[in-house]
C-alpha cells in the first residue's frame, strides 16, 4: 500500500509541473470536441474519434511525463552544482565564447570585491581594465594584462594554468582555465578557477624565516667546530686512536654543516630569494660537465654511468647553471647511492616532439621505491622506508630542492619505479625562454 501511494504521489508531482501543460491543454480541447460531437455526429464516429484522441493524449502524456522527469532531474543537478560552486573556497567564473559571464561565485566576489549581479549576463572585455573597479578581474580574465605572470601554460593547451602576482592589492593567484564542452564536444564556454595563494605563500615564508634564523645560529658554531677538528687533525704527534676520533668528529661536523646549508637553501627557495641568474647554456655540454663529476663516486660504488648523447647538439636552454647543477646532482647522486653492486645509471636527453620542451631521463637499477610511497617522493624530509633500511644517513631534502629548482625553470619532474628493480626520474625544461617564470615564487603543495 505504501509503495503504491509513493508512486501515485510521484505521478501527481510530475502532473503539476509546467512541462505537462501541453497534455492538459490537449486533454481539455479533446474533451470539448468529443462533447460537441455527441450532439452532432453519429455514435460510432464519436467512439472512433474518442479512441484517436485518447491515443494522441496517451502519446503526449508519455512524452510530457518523460520531459517533466528529465527537466526536474536536470534542475536538481543544476541546483546541486550551483550549491557546490557557491560553497567552493576557490573563485569560479564561467563565461561563453563571447566572454559573457554566466557564473560568478561567492569566493570570486570576495577576491575581486565585485558583486555577482554587476557582471552576470554581461560581456566582459579587456577594456574593463581601464575601470579601477574591474581592473583586477580583467587582469585575471586576460592574463596578458596582469602586471607579473610568474608562470603560464603553453598557449592553446588546456587546462591552462597561470600564476599571477599583484602588488596593489598584494595577491598571489593561480588561475586554471578549462573548456566547457557538451556531449558532442562542442565548445560552450570556459571556466576559470581562481585560487588565492597569498596566505599559503605568507605561511611558507614564516616557516622558512624560522628555519633561516635557526640555521644561521647553527652555522657559525659548526664552522668553528669544523675548523677546530681540522686543526687537530693536522697535529703529527697525535696518538692514532685520538686521530681516528678527531677524523670522525670532523666528518660528522662537515655533514652537519652540509645539512644546515641545505636547510638555508630550502629556506631561500621557500622565501622566493634563491637568486636565480638565468643565461643561455648549451645543455649537452653542461650535462657532460656535471656527469664527469660523478665518475669517481660511481666507480667507488661499483656503478656504471652512461650518458646517451642526442644526435642534435644544439640544445640551448635558459637556465641558472649553479642551481640546475644542484638539482641534477641530487638526482644522479641518489641514483648512484641507492643502486646495487655492479648496477648502472643511464642518463638520456631528447626533444619532446611538437612541444617546446626537452626531457631528461635518469634511470637506475637500484632498490626502487614502494608503490604507495611514490607520491610522497618530492615532499620535504621524505625518505622511503626501504631507503632508511638501506642507508640511514640523509635529510630528504635533495629531491625536494630538485623539484622546486626545475619548476622555477618552467619544467616538471616525476618518477616511475619498480621495487627492487630500479627507478626512472623524468624532468622537462622549456626550449622557449618565455615559458621560464620571471619571478621567484613558492607554494608547498
Protein backbone atom coordinates (compact mmCIF):
# COMPACT_ATOMS: atom_id res chain seq x y z
CA UNK A 1 0.00 0.00 0.00
CA UNK A 2 2.80 2.42 0.98
CA UNK A 3 4.71 1.73 -2.25
CA UNK A 4 1.68 2.39 -4.49
CA UNK A 5 0.96 5.63 -2.61
CA UNK A 6 4.53 6.82 -3.24
CA UNK A 7 4.21 6.03 -6.96
CA UNK A 8 0.88 7.88 -7.13
CA UNK A 9 2.33 10.87 -5.25
CA UNK A 10 5.25 10.97 -7.71
CA UNK A 11 2.85 10.89 -10.71
CA UNK A 12 0.79 13.74 -9.22
CA UNK A 13 4.02 15.70 -8.57
CA UNK A 14 5.07 15.48 -12.22
CA UNK A 15 1.49 16.13 -13.48
CA UNK A 16 1.63 19.51 -11.73
CA UNK A 17 4.89 20.56 -13.43
CA UNK A 18 4.87 23.15 -16.26
CA UNK A 19 6.25 20.53 -18.69
CA UNK A 20 2.79 18.81 -18.60
CA UNK A 21 0.99 21.95 -19.84
CA UNK A 22 0.64 20.68 -23.43
CA UNK A 23 -1.01 17.47 -22.20
CA UNK A 24 -3.59 19.36 -20.12
CA UNK A 25 -4.37 21.78 -22.96
CA UNK A 26 -4.85 18.93 -25.42
CA UNK A 27 -6.95 16.98 -22.91
CA UNK A 28 -9.24 19.97 -22.43
CA UNK A 29 -9.64 20.57 -26.15
CA UNK A 30 -10.19 16.88 -26.90
CA UNK A 31 -12.86 16.64 -24.18
CA UNK A 32 -14.66 19.72 -25.53
CA UNK A 33 -14.61 18.36 -29.10
CA UNK A 34 -15.92 14.93 -28.05
CA UNK A 35 -18.76 16.53 -26.04
CA UNK A 36 -19.76 18.60 -29.09
CA UNK A 37 -19.61 15.53 -31.35
CA UNK A 38 -22.09 13.66 -29.12
CA UNK A 39 -24.84 16.07 -30.29
CA UNK A 40 -23.89 16.35 -33.97
CA UNK A 41 -22.02 13.16 -35.02
CA UNK A 42 -23.20 9.52 -35.18
CA UNK A 43 -22.28 7.42 -32.14
CA UNK A 44 -19.81 5.11 -33.91
CA UNK A 45 -17.87 8.13 -35.22
CA UNK A 46 -17.80 9.62 -31.73
CA UNK A 47 -16.38 6.32 -30.48
CA UNK A 48 -13.68 6.25 -33.18
CA UNK A 49 -12.86 9.91 -32.60
CA UNK A 50 -12.59 9.28 -28.87
CA UNK A 51 -10.13 6.43 -29.45
CA UNK A 52 -7.99 8.62 -31.72
CA UNK A 53 -7.96 11.48 -29.21
CA UNK A 54 -7.20 9.01 -26.42
CA UNK A 55 -4.23 7.62 -28.37
CA UNK A 56 -2.86 11.09 -29.09
CA UNK A 57 -3.41 12.08 -25.47
CA UNK A 58 -1.52 8.96 -24.34
CA UNK A 59 1.45 9.81 -26.61
CA UNK A 60 1.51 13.43 -25.42
CA UNK A 61 1.19 12.30 -21.80
CA UNK A 62 4.11 9.86 -22.07
CA UNK A 63 6.36 12.38 -23.82
CA UNK A 64 5.46 15.24 -21.45
CA UNK A 65 5.83 12.99 -18.42
CA UNK A 66 9.31 11.91 -19.53
CA UNK A 67 10.20 15.52 -20.29
CA UNK A 68 8.98 16.62 -16.84
CA UNK A 69 11.10 13.94 -15.14
CA UNK A 70 14.17 14.77 -17.23
CA UNK A 71 13.87 18.53 -16.68
CA UNK A 72 13.32 18.05 -12.97
CA UNK A 73 16.46 15.89 -12.78
CA UNK A 74 18.41 18.50 -14.72
CA UNK A 75 17.16 21.30 -12.48
CA UNK A 76 18.01 19.27 -9.39
CA UNK A 77 21.55 18.59 -10.63
CA UNK A 78 21.91 22.23 -11.64
CA UNK A 79 20.89 23.35 -8.14
CA UNK A 80 23.31 20.88 -6.60
CA UNK A 81 26.10 22.07 -8.90
CA UNK A 82 25.30 25.71 -8.14
CA UNK A 83 25.40 24.89 -4.43
CA UNK A 84 28.79 23.24 -4.82
CA UNK A 85 30.17 26.13 -6.87
CA UNK A 86 28.86 28.72 -4.41
CA UNK A 87 30.47 26.91 -1.46
CA UNK A 88 33.85 26.36 -3.17
CA UNK A 89 36.82 28.02 -1.50
CA UNK A 90 38.20 28.87 -4.96
CA UNK A 91 36.73 31.60 -7.10
CA UNK A 92 34.77 30.31 -10.11
CA UNK A 93 33.99 32.35 -13.22
CA UNK A 94 32.22 30.68 -16.15
CA UNK A 95 31.65 32.51 -19.44
CA UNK A 96 30.60 31.77 -23.01
CA UNK A 97 32.90 32.12 -26.07
CA UNK A 98 31.89 35.80 -26.31
CA UNK A 99 33.02 36.38 -22.70
CA UNK A 100 29.50 36.79 -21.35
CA UNK A 101 29.71 35.95 -17.63
CA UNK A 102 27.43 33.03 -16.73
CA UNK A 103 28.70 32.02 -13.25
CA UNK A 104 30.37 34.14 -10.57
CA UNK A 105 30.50 32.52 -7.14
CA UNK A 106 30.83 34.00 -3.63
CA UNK A 107 34.59 33.42 -3.41
CA UNK A 108 35.04 35.28 -6.70
CA UNK A 109 33.08 38.17 -5.16
CA UNK A 110 35.48 38.17 -2.18
CA UNK A 111 38.63 38.05 -4.35
CA UNK A 112 37.59 40.73 -6.83
CA UNK A 113 35.41 42.85 -4.48
CA UNK A 114 32.63 42.74 -7.08
CA UNK A 115 29.02 41.63 -6.65
CA UNK A 116 27.80 38.87 -8.98
CA UNK A 117 24.91 40.99 -10.27
CA UNK A 118 27.41 43.55 -11.58
CA UNK A 119 28.86 41.08 -14.10
CA UNK A 120 26.40 38.21 -14.60
CA UNK A 121 24.86 38.15 -18.08
CA UNK A 122 27.20 40.88 -19.31
CA UNK A 123 30.09 40.76 -21.79
CA UNK A 124 33.48 41.22 -20.11
CA UNK A 125 36.11 42.73 -22.42
CA UNK A 126 39.79 43.73 -21.92
CA UNK A 127 38.65 47.36 -21.95
CA UNK A 128 37.28 46.77 -18.43
CA UNK A 129 40.89 47.02 -17.21
CA UNK A 130 40.62 50.80 -17.57
CA UNK A 131 37.94 50.85 -14.85
CA UNK A 132 39.51 50.67 -11.39
CA UNK A 133 36.66 48.53 -10.02
CA UNK A 134 37.08 45.83 -12.67
CA UNK A 135 40.84 46.09 -13.25
CA UNK A 136 41.85 43.04 -11.16
CA UNK A 137 39.17 40.84 -12.70
CA UNK A 138 40.18 41.95 -16.21
CA UNK A 139 43.81 41.06 -15.48
CA UNK A 140 42.73 37.57 -14.37
CA UNK A 141 40.35 37.07 -17.30
CA UNK A 142 43.10 38.21 -19.70
CA UNK A 143 46.45 37.25 -18.05
CA UNK A 144 48.49 39.19 -20.62
CA UNK A 145 47.21 42.32 -18.85
CA UNK A 146 48.48 41.16 -15.43
CA UNK A 147 51.49 43.05 -14.01
CA UNK A 148 53.51 39.87 -13.33
CA UNK A 149 52.86 36.47 -14.91
CA UNK A 150 55.09 34.14 -12.92
CA UNK A 151 54.35 31.03 -14.97
CA UNK A 152 51.87 30.10 -17.65
CA UNK A 153 50.97 27.03 -19.68
CA UNK A 154 51.73 26.96 -23.38
CA UNK A 155 49.17 28.86 -25.45
CA UNK A 156 46.38 26.63 -26.76
CA UNK A 157 46.94 23.89 -24.16
CA UNK A 158 44.09 23.07 -21.76
CA UNK A 159 43.73 23.19 -18.89
CA UNK A 160 45.59 26.49 -18.90
CA UNK A 161 47.37 27.33 -15.62
CA UNK A 162 48.74 30.80 -14.90
CA UNK A 163 50.39 32.03 -11.70
CA UNK A 164 49.77 35.76 -11.35
CA UNK A 165 51.30 38.18 -8.85
CA UNK A 166 49.84 41.55 -7.86
CA UNK A 167 51.25 44.30 -5.63
CA UNK A 168 48.15 46.51 -5.28
CA UNK A 169 46.41 44.75 -3.66
CA UNK A 170 49.02 42.15 -2.62
CA UNK A 171 47.75 38.91 -4.13
CA UNK A 172 49.21 35.66 -5.43
CA UNK A 173 46.66 33.91 -7.63
CA UNK A 174 46.73 30.61 -9.52
CA UNK A 175 44.21 30.72 -12.37
CA UNK A 176 43.20 27.46 -14.04
CA UNK A 177 41.13 27.74 -17.22
CA UNK A 178 39.20 24.75 -18.56
CA UNK A 179 36.92 24.30 -21.55
CA UNK A 180 33.19 23.64 -21.10
CA UNK A 181 32.10 21.11 -23.74
CA UNK A 182 28.82 19.33 -24.44
CA UNK A 183 28.36 15.63 -25.24
CA UNK A 184 29.27 16.29 -28.89
CA UNK A 185 32.47 18.11 -27.92
CA UNK A 186 31.03 21.46 -28.97
CA UNK A 187 32.57 24.39 -27.14
CA UNK A 188 30.03 26.04 -24.84
CA UNK A 189 32.42 28.31 -22.99
CA UNK A 190 35.19 28.38 -20.41
CA UNK A 191 35.56 28.20 -16.65
CA UNK A 192 38.25 29.92 -14.62
CA UNK A 193 39.07 28.53 -11.18
CA UNK A 194 40.87 31.22 -9.19
CA UNK A 195 42.87 30.06 -6.20
CA UNK A 196 44.06 32.70 -3.77
CA UNK A 197 47.51 31.51 -2.63
CA UNK A 198 48.51 34.66 -0.77
CA UNK A 199 48.12 33.20 2.73
CA UNK A 200 49.80 29.95 1.72
CA UNK A 201 52.85 31.83 0.49
CA UNK A 202 52.92 34.04 3.60
CA UNK A 203 52.73 30.92 5.82
CA UNK A 204 55.55 29.27 3.85
CA UNK A 205 57.63 32.42 4.24
CA UNK A 206 57.03 32.47 8.01
CA UNK A 207 58.16 28.85 8.35
CA UNK A 208 61.22 29.39 6.21
CA UNK A 209 62.18 32.54 8.15
CA UNK A 210 62.25 30.50 11.35
CA UNK A 211 64.44 27.85 9.68
CA UNK A 212 66.74 30.58 8.33
CA UNK A 213 67.30 32.10 11.75
CA UNK A 214 67.89 28.70 13.39
CA UNK A 215 70.25 27.56 10.62
CA UNK A 216 72.28 30.78 10.75
CA UNK A 217 72.59 30.37 14.52
CA UNK A 218 73.94 26.85 14.00
CA UNK A 219 76.27 27.57 11.11
CA UNK A 220 78.69 29.84 12.99
CA UNK A 221 79.49 27.39 15.85
CA UNK A 222 79.59 24.48 13.38
CA UNK A 223 82.18 26.29 11.28
CA UNK A 224 84.24 26.82 14.43
CA UNK A 225 83.92 23.15 15.43
CA UNK A 226 84.86 22.02 11.93
CA UNK A 227 87.89 24.33 11.88
CA UNK A 228 88.97 23.03 15.33
CA UNK A 229 88.80 19.39 14.16
CA UNK A 230 90.69 20.39 11.00
CA UNK A 231 93.48 21.93 13.08
CA UNK A 232 93.70 18.98 15.47
CA UNK A 233 93.79 16.51 12.57
CA UNK A 234 96.98 18.21 11.35
CA UNK A 235 98.89 17.51 14.57
CA UNK A 236 101.62 14.99 13.70
CA UNK A 237 102.26 13.82 17.30
CA UNK A 238 98.65 12.94 17.93
CA UNK A 239 98.13 9.27 19.03
CA UNK A 240 96.45 7.08 16.40
CA UNK A 241 93.32 6.43 18.49
CA UNK A 242 92.81 10.16 19.01
CA UNK A 243 93.33 10.84 15.29
CA UNK A 244 90.51 8.41 14.47
CA UNK A 245 88.19 10.15 16.94
CA UNK A 246 89.12 13.56 15.53
CA UNK A 247 88.59 12.43 11.92
CA UNK A 248 85.17 11.00 12.84
CA UNK A 249 84.27 14.28 14.54
CA UNK A 250 85.47 16.24 11.53
CA UNK A 251 83.37 14.10 9.17
CA UNK A 252 80.28 14.49 11.38
CA UNK A 253 80.77 18.28 11.60
CA UNK A 254 81.12 18.57 7.82
CA UNK A 255 77.94 16.52 7.23
CA UNK A 256 76.02 18.55 9.78
CA UNK A 257 77.25 21.77 8.17
CA UNK A 258 76.09 20.45 4.76
CA UNK A 259 72.65 19.78 6.25
CA UNK A 260 72.49 23.29 7.68
CA UNK A 261 73.48 24.74 4.29
CA UNK A 262 70.75 22.64 2.63
CA UNK A 263 68.22 23.98 5.13
CA UNK A 264 69.31 27.53 4.33
CA UNK A 265 68.94 26.84 0.61
CA UNK A 266 65.45 25.39 1.17
CA UNK A 267 64.51 28.46 3.23
CA UNK A 268 65.69 30.75 0.41
CA UNK A 269 63.66 28.72 -2.11
CA UNK A 270 60.54 28.96 0.03
CA UNK A 271 61.02 32.69 0.53
CA UNK A 272 61.47 33.21 -3.21
CA UNK A 273 65.00 34.51 -2.57
CA UNK A 274 67.18 31.78 -4.06
CA UNK A 275 68.59 34.32 -6.50
CA UNK A 276 68.26 32.74 -9.95
CA UNK A 277 70.60 34.12 -12.63
CA UNK A 278 69.29 32.79 -15.95
CA UNK A 279 71.52 32.59 -19.01
CA UNK A 280 71.61 30.74 -22.33
CA UNK A 281 73.50 27.46 -21.89
CA UNK A 282 74.40 24.69 -24.36
CA UNK A 283 72.77 21.91 -22.36
CA UNK A 284 74.51 18.81 -23.73
CA UNK A 285 77.95 20.17 -22.80
CA UNK A 286 76.56 21.29 -19.46
CA UNK A 287 75.29 17.75 -18.74
CA UNK A 288 78.65 16.24 -19.73
CA UNK A 289 80.46 18.52 -17.26
CA UNK A 290 78.09 17.60 -14.42
CA UNK A 291 78.22 13.85 -15.08
CA UNK A 292 82.03 13.92 -15.24
CA UNK A 293 81.99 14.97 -11.57
CA UNK A 294 80.17 11.73 -10.65
CA UNK A 295 82.55 9.30 -12.35
CA UNK A 296 84.73 8.79 -9.25
CA UNK A 297 81.72 8.28 -6.96
CA UNK A 298 80.14 5.86 -9.43
CA UNK A 299 83.36 3.84 -9.63
CA UNK A 300 83.64 3.71 -5.83
CA UNK A 301 80.09 2.32 -5.63
CA UNK A 302 80.71 -0.13 -8.48
CA UNK A 303 78.18 1.61 -10.74
CA UNK A 304 78.47 2.08 -14.50
CA UNK A 305 77.47 5.62 -15.54
CA UNK A 306 76.21 6.20 -19.11
CA UNK A 307 75.11 9.30 -20.99
CA UNK A 308 73.11 8.74 -24.18
CA UNK A 309 74.06 11.88 -26.07
CA UNK A 310 71.45 13.11 -28.57
CA UNK A 311 72.44 13.38 -32.22
CA UNK A 312 71.43 17.02 -32.24
CA UNK A 313 73.75 19.03 -30.02
CA UNK A 314 72.13 22.45 -30.32
CA UNK A 315 70.19 22.32 -27.06
CA UNK A 316 70.44 25.93 -25.87
CA UNK A 317 68.29 26.43 -22.76
CA UNK A 318 67.84 29.39 -20.44
CA UNK A 319 68.92 28.13 -17.00
CA UNK A 320 70.78 29.09 -13.86
CA UNK A 321 73.83 26.84 -14.18
CA UNK A 322 74.60 26.70 -10.46
CA UNK A 323 71.01 25.99 -9.38
CA UNK A 324 70.34 23.47 -12.15
CA UNK A 325 73.59 21.69 -11.23
CA UNK A 326 72.24 21.30 -7.67
CA UNK A 327 69.02 19.69 -9.00
CA UNK A 328 70.76 17.29 -11.40
CA UNK A 329 73.47 16.40 -8.88
CA UNK A 330 70.83 15.48 -6.29
CA UNK A 331 69.03 13.20 -8.75
CA UNK A 332 72.19 11.50 -10.04
CA UNK A 333 73.67 11.13 -6.53
CA UNK A 334 70.54 9.28 -5.41
CA UNK A 335 70.66 7.04 -8.49
CA UNK A 336 74.26 6.07 -7.61
CA UNK A 337 73.85 5.92 -3.83
CA UNK A 338 70.74 3.72 -3.79
CA UNK A 339 71.85 1.38 -6.54
CA UNK A 340 73.04 -2.21 -6.31
CA UNK A 341 76.57 -3.56 -6.75
CA UNK A 342 77.53 -3.72 -10.46
CA UNK A 343 74.40 -1.72 -11.29
CA UNK A 344 74.14 1.13 -13.75
CA UNK A 345 72.79 4.66 -14.13
CA UNK A 346 71.78 5.82 -17.59
CA UNK A 347 71.04 9.45 -18.48
CA UNK A 348 69.27 10.39 -21.71
CA UNK A 349 68.29 13.70 -23.29
CA UNK A 350 65.72 14.27 -26.03
CA UNK A 351 63.45 16.91 -27.50
CA UNK A 352 59.74 16.30 -26.99
CA UNK A 353 58.01 16.07 -30.36
CA UNK A 354 55.77 19.04 -31.22
CA UNK A 355 56.32 20.62 -27.79
CA UNK A 356 58.76 23.38 -26.70
CA UNK A 357 60.45 21.16 -24.11
CA UNK A 358 63.36 18.79 -23.69
CA UNK A 359 63.05 15.71 -21.50
CA UNK A 360 65.89 14.39 -19.35
CA UNK A 361 65.68 10.80 -18.12
CA UNK A 362 67.75 9.32 -15.29
CA UNK A 363 67.31 5.55 -14.97
CA UNK A 364 68.94 3.35 -12.33
CA UNK A 365 68.94 -0.36 -11.48
CA UNK A 366 68.63 0.27 -7.75
CA UNK A 367 66.36 -0.70 -4.89
CA UNK A 368 63.32 1.13 -6.23
CA UNK A 369 60.53 2.87 -4.30
CA UNK A 370 57.43 1.23 -2.73
CA UNK A 371 54.37 1.93 -4.94
CA UNK A 372 52.40 3.53 -2.09
CA UNK A 373 55.24 6.00 -1.41
CA UNK A 374 55.97 7.24 -4.94
CA UNK A 375 53.54 10.15 -4.49
CA UNK A 376 55.49 11.42 -1.46
CA UNK A 377 58.85 11.32 -3.20
CA UNK A 378 59.26 15.08 -3.64
CA UNK A 379 57.94 16.08 -0.22
CA UNK A 380 60.26 17.85 2.20
CA UNK A 381 62.20 15.48 4.50
CA UNK A 382 60.61 12.40 2.94
CA UNK A 383 62.69 9.23 2.71
CA UNK A 384 61.24 5.91 1.54
CA UNK A 385 61.02 3.09 4.11
CA UNK A 386 63.32 0.79 2.13
CA UNK A 387 65.86 3.62 1.72
CA UNK A 388 66.01 4.07 5.51
CA UNK A 389 66.93 0.40 5.86
CA UNK A 390 69.44 0.60 3.01
CA UNK A 391 71.18 3.77 4.21
CA UNK A 392 70.28 5.62 7.40
CA UNK A 393 72.08 8.88 6.54
CA UNK A 394 70.22 11.54 4.54
CA UNK A 395 67.96 14.56 5.00
CA UNK A 396 65.19 14.01 2.46
CA UNK A 397 65.82 17.48 1.02
CA UNK A 398 67.59 16.62 -2.25
CA UNK A 399 64.59 15.74 -4.42
CA UNK A 400 62.51 18.44 -2.75
CA UNK A 401 65.07 21.03 -3.83
CA UNK A 402 65.38 19.46 -7.28
CA UNK A 403 61.62 19.71 -7.86
CA UNK A 404 61.49 23.37 -6.87
CA UNK A 405 64.51 24.31 -8.96
CA UNK A 406 63.15 22.52 -12.04
CA UNK A 407 59.72 24.09 -11.61
CA UNK A 408 61.31 27.52 -11.25
CA UNK A 409 62.84 26.87 -14.67
CA UNK A 410 59.37 26.20 -16.14
CA UNK A 411 59.74 22.39 -16.09
CA UNK A 412 58.12 19.43 -14.36
CA UNK A 413 59.56 16.36 -12.64
CA UNK A 414 58.09 12.94 -11.93
CA UNK A 415 59.24 9.38 -11.34
CA UNK A 416 58.36 5.77 -12.08
CA UNK A 417 59.69 2.88 -10.04
CA UNK A 418 59.57 -0.88 -9.63
CA UNK A 419 60.53 -2.14 -6.20
CA UNK A 420 63.90 -3.95 -6.24
CA UNK A 421 64.23 -3.29 -9.98
CA UNK A 422 65.05 0.40 -10.21
CA UNK A 423 63.69 3.91 -10.66
CA UNK A 424 63.43 6.33 -13.57
CA UNK A 425 63.27 10.08 -12.99
CA UNK A 426 61.95 12.31 -15.75
CA UNK A 427 62.14 16.07 -15.86
CA UNK A 428 61.41 18.61 -18.56
CA UNK A 429 62.84 22.03 -19.32
CA UNK A 430 61.42 24.55 -21.81
CA UNK A 431 63.27 25.39 -25.02
CA UNK A 432 61.14 28.54 -25.26
CA UNK A 433 62.54 31.10 -22.82
CA UNK A 434 59.11 32.78 -22.49
CA UNK A 435 57.96 29.71 -20.53
CA UNK A 436 60.58 30.30 -17.83
CA UNK A 437 58.98 32.10 -14.83
CA UNK A 438 60.21 35.65 -14.47
CA UNK A 439 59.59 35.85 -10.71
CA UNK A 440 60.52 33.50 -7.91
CA UNK A 441 57.52 32.10 -6.09
CA UNK A 442 56.95 29.08 -3.91
CA UNK A 443 53.93 27.20 -2.58
CA UNK A 444 54.35 23.90 -0.79
CA UNK A 445 51.77 21.55 -2.35
